[in-house]
Amino acid sequence: MATCTAAGLGWIAAPGLARASTDPLLLRARSELARLGNAIAHHDLVGVADFSLPSNQPRFHLLDMQYGRIAHSFLVAHGRGSDPQHSGRVQRFSNEVGSNASSEGAYRTGEQYVGKHGRSIRLDGLDASNSNAEARAIVIHSAPYVSPAVLQSQGKLGRSEGCFVFSDDDHEVVLEQLGPDRLLLAGLF
């Protein structure tokens, strides 16, 4: 697997390493696409945040559903309310406003906009476990606390307020690849 040299530890391209069609992430993505049906317009690519992994590992995957493989993997931060001791691992999820925690479940990616963190993507929570995503302003954005330098100095990434946060370089790739009206799944996979 080749690591992207532009970001150092950011994303991993796996074009020649197709995952088996029985891969749990791919099976879960297919199942969720079937469950959600027309609520998700584009079924070609699915984002998956596998929070069973620590923050020092690439744990956000873009799944190419046509070829049944992980197209890219990235570092992504989780919410500080999910990891109060800052261990680098998600301890709990919450959907409560003010919890600053990550929420599990299925999201639909929305429109891109420019906010305080630059270009971002809005998210619509599709399950009871993440139905407050809009009220909590849970989005995809970038921040300086997600970078190879932070990882090297601290051994883990910084934490968000529940948003899916990437390094600047990886964030651009995620925005371009994922785009609107696609499925994003978060949980302990």
Protein backbone atom coordinates (compact mmCIF):
# COMPACT_ATOMS: atom_id res chain seq x y z
CA MET A 1 0.00 0.00 0.00
CA ALA A 2 1.45 3.38 -0.97
CA THR A 3 1.25 6.29 1.44
CA CYS A 4 0.55 9.72 0.00
CA THR A 5 3.78 11.69 0.32
CA ALA A 6 2.07 15.08 0.07
CA ALA A 7 0.40 14.64 3.45
CA GLY A 8 2.94 12.31 5.01
CA LEU A 9 0.60 10.05 6.93
CA GLY A 10 -2.68 11.36 5.56
CA TRP A 11 -4.27 8.97 3.13
CA ILE A 12 -3.48 5.61 1.72
CA ALA A 13 -4.36 4.72 -1.83
CA ALA A 14 -5.15 1.08 -2.34
CA PRO A 15 -5.90 0.77 -6.06
CA GLY A 16 -4.37 -2.67 -6.44
CA LEU A 17 -5.64 -4.07 -3.18
CA ALA A 18 -9.29 -4.88 -3.69
CA ARG A 19 -11.03 -6.04 -0.54
CA ALA A 20 -13.07 -9.20 -0.73
CA SER A 21 -16.79 -8.79 -1.35
CA THR A 22 -17.34 -10.26 2.12
CA ASP A 23 -15.42 -7.44 3.81
CA PRO A 24 -17.52 -6.26 6.79
CA LEU A 25 -17.27 -2.57 5.81
CA LEU A 26 -18.48 -3.26 2.28
CA LEU A 27 -21.26 -5.54 3.49
CA ARG A 28 -22.39 -2.91 5.98
CA ALA A 29 -22.32 -0.18 3.32
CA ARG A 30 -24.37 -2.31 0.92
CA SER A 31 -26.87 -3.11 3.66
CA GLU A 32 -27.25 0.55 4.62
CA LEU A 33 -27.65 1.65 1.01
CA ALA A 34 -30.41 -0.94 0.61
CA ARG A 35 -32.08 0.15 3.87
CA LEU A 36 -31.99 3.84 2.96
CA GLY A 37 -32.96 3.38 -0.70
CA ASN A 38 -33.87 6.65 -2.40
CA ALA A 39 -32.79 8.74 0.60
CA ILE A 40 -29.26 8.41 -0.85
CA ALA A 41 -29.05 9.56 -4.47
CA HIS A 42 -25.54 8.29 -5.30
CA HIS A 43 -24.57 4.70 -4.47
CA ASP A 44 -21.15 4.67 -6.15
CA LEU A 45 -19.04 5.82 -3.17
CA VAL A 46 -19.60 5.52 0.59
CA GLY A 47 -17.63 7.17 3.39
CA VAL A 48 -17.06 5.08 6.53
CA ALA A 49 -15.60 6.36 9.81
CA ASP A 50 -14.46 3.23 11.65
CA PHE A 51 -14.13 4.56 15.18
CA SER A 52 -13.07 1.15 16.51
CA LEU A 53 -9.57 2.22 15.44
CA PRO A 54 -7.48 4.79 17.35
CA SER A 55 -7.02 8.29 15.94
CA ASN A 56 -3.41 7.59 14.93
CA GLN A 57 -4.65 5.15 12.26
CA PRO A 58 -6.29 5.97 8.92
CA ARG A 59 -9.87 5.11 9.86
CA PHE A 60 -12.02 7.07 7.43
CA HIS A 61 -12.48 5.04 4.28
CA LEU A 62 -13.94 5.91 0.91
CA LEU A 63 -15.47 2.70 -0.41
CA ASP A 64 -15.73 2.21 -4.15
CA MET A 65 -18.98 0.28 -4.29
CA GLN A 66 -18.69 -0.64 -7.96
CA TYR A 67 -15.37 -2.43 -7.53
CA GLY A 68 -15.96 -3.51 -3.92
CA ARG A 69 -12.80 -1.99 -2.49
CA ILE A 70 -11.44 0.73 -0.27
CA ALA A 71 -10.37 3.50 -2.65
CA HIS A 72 -8.70 5.74 -0.02
CA SER A 73 -8.18 5.82 3.75
CA PHE A 74 -7.59 8.97 5.81
CA LEU A 75 -6.90 10.16 9.32
CA VAL A 76 -10.02 11.66 10.93
CA ALA A 77 -10.67 13.20 14.35
CA HIS A 78 -13.48 12.23 16.70
CA GLY A 79 -15.36 14.39 19.21
CA ARG A 80 -13.79 15.32 22.54
CA GLY A 81 -17.01 14.27 24.29
CA SER A 82 -16.41 10.76 22.92
CA ASP A 83 -12.91 10.66 24.45
CA PRO A 84 -12.86 12.80 27.64
CA GLN A 85 -9.42 11.57 28.77
CA HIS A 86 -7.97 12.16 25.26
CA SER A 87 -6.78 8.58 24.91
CA GLY A 88 -7.04 8.70 21.12
CA ARG A 89 -9.95 6.22 21.14
CA VAL A 90 -13.71 6.71 21.05
CA GLN A 91 -15.20 5.70 24.40
CA ARG A 92 -18.82 6.65 23.75
CA PHE A 93 -21.18 8.25 21.24
CA SER A 94 -23.82 10.89 21.87
CA ASN A 95 -26.48 12.68 19.86
CA GLU A 96 -27.13 15.31 22.54
CA VAL A 97 -26.69 18.99 21.74
CA GLY A 98 -23.65 20.24 23.69
CA SER A 99 -22.12 16.79 24.17
CA ASN A 100 -19.18 17.52 21.82
CA ALA A 101 -19.23 13.80 21.04
CA SER A 102 -19.22 11.91 17.78
CA SER A 103 -22.52 10.30 16.82
CA GLU A 104 -22.87 6.89 15.22
CA GLY A 105 -25.18 6.00 12.38
CA ALA A 106 -25.93 6.86 8.76
CA TYR A 107 -25.57 10.38 7.38
CA ARG A 108 -26.40 11.87 4.00
CA THR A 109 -23.79 14.32 2.76
CA GLY A 110 -25.26 17.70 1.92
CA GLU A 111 -24.20 20.88 0.26
CA GLN A 112 -20.76 22.36 0.43
CA TYR A 113 -20.37 25.79 1.99
CA VAL A 114 -17.62 28.06 3.26
CA GLY A 115 -17.64 28.60 7.02
CA LYS A 116 -15.22 29.33 9.84
CA HIS A 117 -13.19 26.22 8.91
CA GLY A 118 -13.20 27.01 5.17
CA ARG A 119 -14.88 24.67 2.70
CA SER A 120 -17.10 22.18 4.50
CA ILE A 121 -19.94 19.71 3.83
CA ARG A 122 -23.17 19.69 5.82
CA LEU A 123 -24.43 16.34 7.11
CA ASP A 124 -27.97 15.11 7.64
CA GLY A 125 -28.31 12.44 10.33
CA LEU A 126 -30.63 9.67 9.12
CA ASP A 127 -30.89 7.62 12.34
CA ALA A 128 -32.18 8.28 15.86
CA SER A 129 -28.54 8.05 17.02
CA ASN A 130 -27.49 11.08 14.91
CA SER A 131 -30.76 12.93 14.22
CA ASN A 132 -29.41 16.11 15.84
CA ALA A 133 -26.54 16.48 13.34
CA GLU A 134 -27.99 19.67 11.86
CA ALA A 135 -28.82 21.21 15.26
CA ARG A 136 -25.31 20.32 16.47
CA ALA A 137 -23.70 21.64 13.24
CA ILE A 138 -21.95 18.32 12.63
CA VAL A 139 -20.10 18.70 9.34
CA ILE A 140 -16.99 17.62 7.44
CA HIS A 141 -14.18 20.20 7.69
CA SER A 142 -10.44 20.57 8.20
CA ALA A 143 -8.46 21.86 11.18
CA PRO A 144 -4.79 22.13 12.20
CA TYR A 145 -5.18 19.56 15.00
CA VAL A 146 -5.42 16.84 12.33
CA SER A 147 -2.02 16.63 10.69
CA PRO A 148 1.05 14.40 10.46
CA ALA A 149 2.90 16.93 12.66
CA VAL A 150 0.31 16.65 15.47
CA LEU A 151 0.34 12.88 15.15
CA GLN A 152 4.13 12.78 15.33
CA SER A 153 4.34 15.08 18.38
CA GLN A 154 1.36 13.72 20.36
CA GLY A 155 0.89 10.19 19.04
CA LYS A 156 -2.80 10.96 18.43
CA LEU A 157 -4.93 13.58 16.74
CA GLY A 158 -6.70 16.47 18.39
CA ARG A 159 -10.43 16.22 18.97
CA SER A 160 -13.41 17.94 17.37
CA GLU A 161 -16.79 18.92 18.79
CA GLY A 162 -18.32 15.93 17.02
CA CYS A 163 -17.44 16.87 13.43
CA PHE A 164 -15.53 14.68 10.97
CA VAL A 165 -12.27 16.63 10.79
CA PHE A 166 -9.41 16.01 8.36
CA SER A 167 -6.03 17.52 7.56
CA ASP A 168 -6.09 20.32 4.99
CA ASP A 169 -4.73 18.11 2.21
CA ASP A 170 -6.99 15.13 2.95
CA HIS A 171 -10.01 17.36 3.42
CA GLU A 172 -9.74 18.55 -0.18
CA VAL A 173 -9.68 14.96 -1.45
CA VAL A 174 -12.68 13.99 0.71
CA LEU A 175 -14.69 17.02 -0.45
CA GLU A 176 -13.98 16.30 -4.09
CA GLN A 177 -14.54 12.54 -3.91
CA LEU A 178 -17.50 12.33 -1.52
CA GLY A 179 -19.53 15.35 -2.60
CA PRO A 180 -23.27 15.73 -1.90
CA ASP A 181 -26.01 13.10 -1.65
CA ARG A 182 -23.83 10.16 -0.65
CA LEU A 183 -23.82 7.91 2.39
CA LEU A 184 -21.44 8.40 5.31
CA LEU A 185 -21.45 5.79 8.07
CA ALA A 186 -19.93 6.21 11.52
CA GLY A 187 -19.55 3.63 14.26
CA LEU A 188 -17.42 0.89 15.77
CA PHE A 189 -16.92 -1.46 12.85
